[in-house]
Amino acid sequence: MQRITITPSQIHANYIAIEPAQYHYLTRVIRLQTGAQFQAIDGTGTLYLCALTAHGSTYAAEIIQTISPTGAAEQPDLDRQTITLICALPKGNNFDDIVRACTELGVTTIIPAQSDRTLLNPSPQKLQRWRKIAQEAAEQSERLTIPTIAEPQPLPTIFSQLPIESSKYLCEARGEYPHLLSCLQSNTPIPTQIILAIGPEGGWTDAEIDLAIEYNFQLVSLGRHILRTITAPIVALSIVTATRYTVDS
């Protein structure tokens, strides 16, 4: 069933006020007729089963059923764990793909990091684009929540704001470090707050590694091969997701 994202302000009693762009998408792009059902998420974990209708002179959808996260047993549950990804900004538009893929894999928060080797200085328009990509990826992957995409910040600022009780892993390509998989498997039960840090092209500097250690990051490996910045976060998120489901099953 088709899914769109709404804001809480669009909800009025038993109907949802549909914006013109959303109405165009529902009726012109996917060609829903009046009375046809679709799903809406508010980005905070609630799912609405709706029927396209009219409410006075505005476009609207009647709310047929409201499904809370605990009641959505049939929905894929990717949001039981808080997963924060700190990712150094790569060149070009590669961060678009990182946001899209990691949203599908269940990331909760993505923090673009300005590291010592970061070359990209994104504009506010870039941030809005990333948030739009996260919204679309959440809809496509049938998530109930939309990841938070934070504003780009320097690495020391990011580290200083992290919760103390979280399990923090800094992925480093060179050096003899334990694999992320073995670290997660040995840490049972799997922590509810996981923070992953992925470096830029060229890797972390020695000063950044020392800083991470000061903030209680555990240095881990993602395998023998050197991964691109666009590949490493996908691998790391896949390992976290696979480990979680393995333990749950």
Protein backbone atom coordinates (compact mmCIF):
# COMPACT_ATOMS: atom_id res chain seq x y z
CA MET A 1 0.00 0.00 0.00
CA GLN A 2 1.33 3.44 -0.93
CA ARG A 3 2.74 5.52 1.92
CA ILE A 4 3.28 9.25 2.33
CA THR A 5 4.75 11.36 5.13
CA ILE A 6 2.69 14.03 6.86
CA THR A 7 3.31 16.51 9.65
CA PRO A 8 1.35 16.41 12.91
CA SER A 9 -0.17 19.79 12.01
CA GLN A 10 -1.99 18.16 9.09
CA ILE A 11 -4.03 15.96 11.44
CA HIS A 12 -7.47 17.31 12.38
CA ALA A 13 -9.75 15.02 14.41
CA ASN A 14 -10.58 12.09 12.10
CA TYR A 15 -9.11 13.43 8.87
CA ILE A 16 -5.80 14.56 7.42
CA ALA A 17 -5.47 17.75 5.40
CA ILE A 18 -3.60 16.78 2.24
CA GLU A 19 -1.24 19.34 0.74
CA PRO A 20 -1.60 20.12 -2.99
CA ALA A 21 1.69 18.41 -3.86
CA GLN A 22 0.63 15.29 -1.96
CA TYR A 23 -2.78 15.31 -3.64
CA HIS A 24 -1.10 15.59 -7.03
CA TYR A 25 1.13 12.64 -6.19
CA LEU A 26 -1.73 10.48 -4.94
CA THR A 27 -4.19 11.25 -7.77
CA ARG A 28 -1.95 12.01 -10.75
CA VAL A 29 1.23 10.04 -10.18
CA ILE A 30 -0.09 6.82 -8.61
CA ARG A 31 -3.67 7.50 -9.80
CA LEU A 32 -5.67 6.81 -6.64
CA GLN A 33 -9.40 7.39 -6.91
CA THR A 34 -11.70 8.86 -4.25
CA GLY A 35 -12.17 6.27 -1.53
CA ALA A 36 -8.88 4.51 -2.28
CA GLN A 37 -6.81 3.63 0.76
CA PHE A 38 -3.20 4.54 1.49
CA GLN A 39 -0.94 4.89 4.51
CA ALA A 40 0.47 8.01 6.14
CA ILE A 41 3.24 8.32 8.73
CA ASP A 42 3.89 11.36 10.89
CA GLY A 43 7.62 10.63 11.25
CA THR A 44 7.37 9.96 14.98
CA GLY A 45 6.24 6.32 14.89
CA THR A 46 2.50 6.43 14.23
CA LEU A 47 0.93 4.93 11.11
CA TYR A 48 -2.45 6.03 9.74
CA LEU A 49 -4.62 3.99 7.40
CA CYS A 50 -6.47 6.55 5.29
CA ALA A 51 -9.03 6.84 2.52
CA LEU A 52 -8.82 9.64 -0.02
CA THR A 53 -11.81 11.95 0.25
CA ALA A 54 -12.79 15.62 0.34
CA HIS A 55 -13.35 17.85 3.33
CA GLY A 56 -15.10 21.06 2.33
CA SER A 57 -12.99 22.87 -0.23
CA THR A 58 -9.70 21.24 0.83
CA TYR A 59 -8.05 17.99 -0.16
CA ALA A 60 -8.28 15.49 2.64
CA ALA A 61 -8.08 11.88 3.72
CA GLU A 62 -10.30 10.19 6.25
CA ILE A 63 -8.43 8.35 9.03
CA ILE A 64 -9.76 4.80 9.09
CA GLN A 65 -7.34 3.40 11.64
CA THR A 66 -4.47 4.67 13.76
CA ILE A 67 -1.71 2.18 14.45
CA SER A 68 0.80 2.92 17.19
CA PRO A 69 4.31 1.43 17.06
CA THR A 70 3.35 -1.26 19.60
CA GLY A 71 0.28 -2.20 17.56
CA ALA A 72 2.00 -2.42 14.21
CA ALA A 73 3.10 -6.02 14.56
CA GLU A 74 2.85 -6.57 10.82
CA GLN A 75 5.19 -3.67 10.04
CA PRO A 76 8.95 -4.16 9.64
CA ASP A 77 10.43 -2.96 12.92
CA LEU A 78 13.70 -1.16 12.28
CA ASP A 79 13.37 1.33 15.09
CA ARG A 80 13.75 -0.63 18.31
CA GLN A 81 17.33 0.52 18.71
CA THR A 82 18.91 3.96 18.61
CA ILE A 83 21.66 3.97 15.99
CA THR A 84 23.59 7.19 15.42
CA LEU A 85 25.89 7.46 12.42
CA ILE A 86 28.66 10.06 12.49
CA CYS A 87 29.96 10.22 8.94
CA ALA A 88 32.68 12.47 7.57
CA LEU A 89 31.38 14.29 4.52
CA PRO A 90 32.60 12.80 1.23
CA LYS A 91 33.11 14.68 -2.01
CA GLY A 92 30.35 15.41 -4.51
CA ASN A 93 26.88 14.03 -3.96
CA ASN A 94 27.95 10.77 -2.34
CA PHE A 95 26.33 11.74 0.96
CA ASP A 96 22.95 11.47 -0.78
CA ASP A 97 23.48 7.74 -1.24
CA ILE A 98 24.71 7.34 2.33
CA VAL A 99 21.55 8.96 3.72
CA ARG A 100 19.30 6.89 1.45
CA ALA A 101 20.89 3.50 2.16
CA CYS A 102 21.37 4.02 5.90
CA THR A 103 17.76 5.13 6.28
CA GLU A 104 16.68 1.85 4.71
CA LEU A 105 18.96 0.01 7.15
CA GLY A 106 17.39 1.57 10.24
CA VAL A 107 19.67 4.44 11.26
CA THR A 108 18.07 6.80 13.79
CA THR A 109 20.31 9.87 13.47
CA ILE A 110 22.91 10.89 10.90
CA ILE A 111 25.43 13.56 11.85
CA PRO A 112 27.54 14.90 8.95
CA ALA A 113 31.03 15.46 10.32
CA GLN A 114 33.58 18.06 9.27
CA SER A 115 36.85 16.24 9.83
CA ASP A 116 40.45 17.26 9.24
CA ARG A 117 40.32 15.79 5.71
CA THR A 118 36.81 16.91 4.80
CA LEU A 119 36.67 19.02 1.63
CA LEU A 120 32.91 19.56 1.33
CA ASN A 121 31.30 22.61 2.94
CA PRO A 122 27.60 21.96 2.31
CA SER A 123 25.03 24.71 1.89
CA PRO A 124 21.70 24.81 3.79
CA GLN A 125 20.08 23.55 0.59
CA LYS A 126 22.16 20.38 0.85
CA LEU A 127 20.85 19.74 4.35
CA GLN A 128 17.27 20.15 3.18
CA ARG A 129 17.96 17.76 0.31
CA TRP A 130 19.34 15.12 2.69
CA ARG A 131 16.27 15.42 4.91
CA LYS A 132 14.02 15.00 1.89
CA ILE A 133 15.97 11.91 0.80
CA ALA A 134 15.61 10.45 4.32
CA GLN A 135 11.85 11.04 4.20
CA GLU A 136 11.49 9.37 0.81
CA ALA A 137 13.69 6.43 1.85
CA ALA A 138 11.65 5.94 5.03
CA GLU A 139 8.46 5.84 2.99
CA GLN A 140 9.93 3.39 0.49
CA SER A 141 11.32 1.04 3.16
CA GLU A 142 8.09 1.21 5.20
CA ARG A 143 9.66 2.64 8.31
CA LEU A 144 7.47 4.27 10.92
CA THR A 145 10.00 6.95 11.81
CA ILE A 146 12.17 9.29 9.77
CA PRO A 147 15.83 9.60 10.74
CA THR A 148 17.08 12.92 12.04
CA ILE A 149 19.68 14.53 9.77
CA ALA A 150 21.69 16.94 11.89
CA GLU A 151 23.52 20.00 10.67
CA PRO A 152 27.19 19.43 9.73
CA GLN A 153 29.47 20.03 12.71
CA PRO A 154 33.19 19.75 13.54
CA LEU A 155 34.18 16.40 14.98
CA PRO A 156 35.16 17.71 18.46
CA THR A 157 31.75 19.39 18.79
CA ILE A 158 29.96 16.18 17.84
CA PHE A 159 31.94 14.05 20.27
CA SER A 160 31.35 16.46 23.15
CA GLN A 161 27.55 16.20 22.73
CA LEU A 162 27.21 12.41 22.65
CA PRO A 163 25.41 10.57 25.47
CA ILE A 164 27.81 8.99 27.92
CA GLU A 165 25.85 5.74 28.30
CA SER A 166 26.01 4.84 24.58
CA SER A 167 28.26 2.20 23.00
CA LYS A 168 30.59 4.04 20.64
CA TYR A 169 32.61 2.52 17.80
CA LEU A 170 35.08 4.31 15.54
CA CYS A 171 35.67 2.40 12.30
CA GLU A 172 39.32 2.51 11.28
CA ALA A 173 40.63 0.85 8.12
CA ARG A 174 44.29 0.52 9.09
CA GLY A 175 45.59 -1.13 12.23
CA GLU A 176 44.98 -4.31 14.18
CA TYR A 177 41.55 -3.72 15.67
CA PRO A 178 38.75 -6.18 16.50
CA HIS A 179 35.98 -6.55 13.94
CA LEU A 180 32.76 -4.65 14.64
CA LEU A 181 30.82 -7.90 14.39
CA SER A 182 32.80 -9.60 17.16
CA CYS A 183 32.49 -6.53 19.38
CA LEU A 184 28.71 -6.47 19.01
CA GLN A 185 28.36 -10.22 19.53
CA SER A 186 30.41 -10.08 22.74
CA ASN A 187 28.35 -7.19 24.08
CA THR A 188 25.11 -8.88 25.19
CA PRO A 189 22.47 -7.83 25.50
CA ILE A 190 23.07 -5.62 22.48
CA PRO A 191 23.12 -2.01 23.70
CA THR A 192 20.09 0.14 22.98
CA GLN A 193 22.25 3.11 21.95
CA ILE A 194 24.92 2.48 19.34
CA ILE A 195 27.10 5.19 17.80
CA LEU A 196 29.17 4.50 14.69
CA ALA A 197 31.81 6.89 13.36
CA ILE A 198 32.97 6.58 9.73
CA GLY A 199 35.96 8.55 8.48
CA PRO A 200 36.62 10.53 5.30
CA GLU A 201 38.53 9.64 2.16
CA GLY A 202 42.08 9.12 3.38
CA GLY A 203 40.92 7.97 6.81
CA TRP A 204 41.01 9.53 10.25
CA THR A 205 44.05 11.50 11.32
CA ASP A 206 46.07 10.42 14.36
CA ALA A 207 44.71 13.41 16.28
CA GLU A 208 41.12 12.40 15.51
CA ILE A 209 41.76 8.83 16.62
CA ASP A 210 43.27 10.10 19.88
CA LEU A 211 40.25 12.35 20.37
CA ALA A 212 37.86 9.42 19.83
CA ILE A 213 39.72 7.36 22.42
CA GLU A 214 39.38 10.25 24.89
CA TYR A 215 35.62 10.08 24.36
CA ASN A 216 35.57 6.31 24.99
CA PHE A 217 35.17 5.16 21.41
CA GLN A 218 36.28 1.61 20.74
CA LEU A 219 38.34 1.32 17.57
CA VAL A 220 36.98 -1.40 15.28
CA SER A 221 37.58 -2.84 11.83
CA LEU A 222 35.09 -3.53 9.05
CA GLY A 223 37.29 -6.16 7.43
CA ARG A 224 40.56 -6.56 5.60
CA HIS A 225 39.73 -4.33 2.63
CA ILE A 226 39.82 -0.54 2.43
CA LEU A 227 36.25 0.63 1.91
CA ARG A 228 35.10 3.87 0.35
CA THR A 229 33.37 6.41 2.56
CA ILE A 230 30.13 5.66 0.73
CA THR A 231 30.50 1.90 1.33
CA ALA A 232 31.72 1.79 4.93
CA PRO A 233 28.55 3.15 6.63
CA ILE A 234 26.38 0.71 4.68
CA VAL A 235 28.57 -2.20 5.80
CA ALA A 236 28.58 -0.99 9.41
CA LEU A 237 24.79 -0.53 9.53
CA SER A 238 24.28 -3.93 7.91
CA ILE A 239 26.40 -5.57 10.60
CA VAL A 240 24.46 -3.86 13.40
CA THR A 241 21.10 -4.79 11.87
CA ALA A 242 22.11 -8.39 11.18
CA THR A 243 23.48 -8.84 14.68
CA ARG A 244 20.31 -7.47 16.25
CA TYR A 245 18.03 -9.78 14.31
CA THR A 246 20.30 -12.77 14.94
CA VAL A 247 20.10 -12.18 18.69
CA ASP A 248 16.32 -11.58 18.56
CA SER A 249 15.68 -14.78 16.65
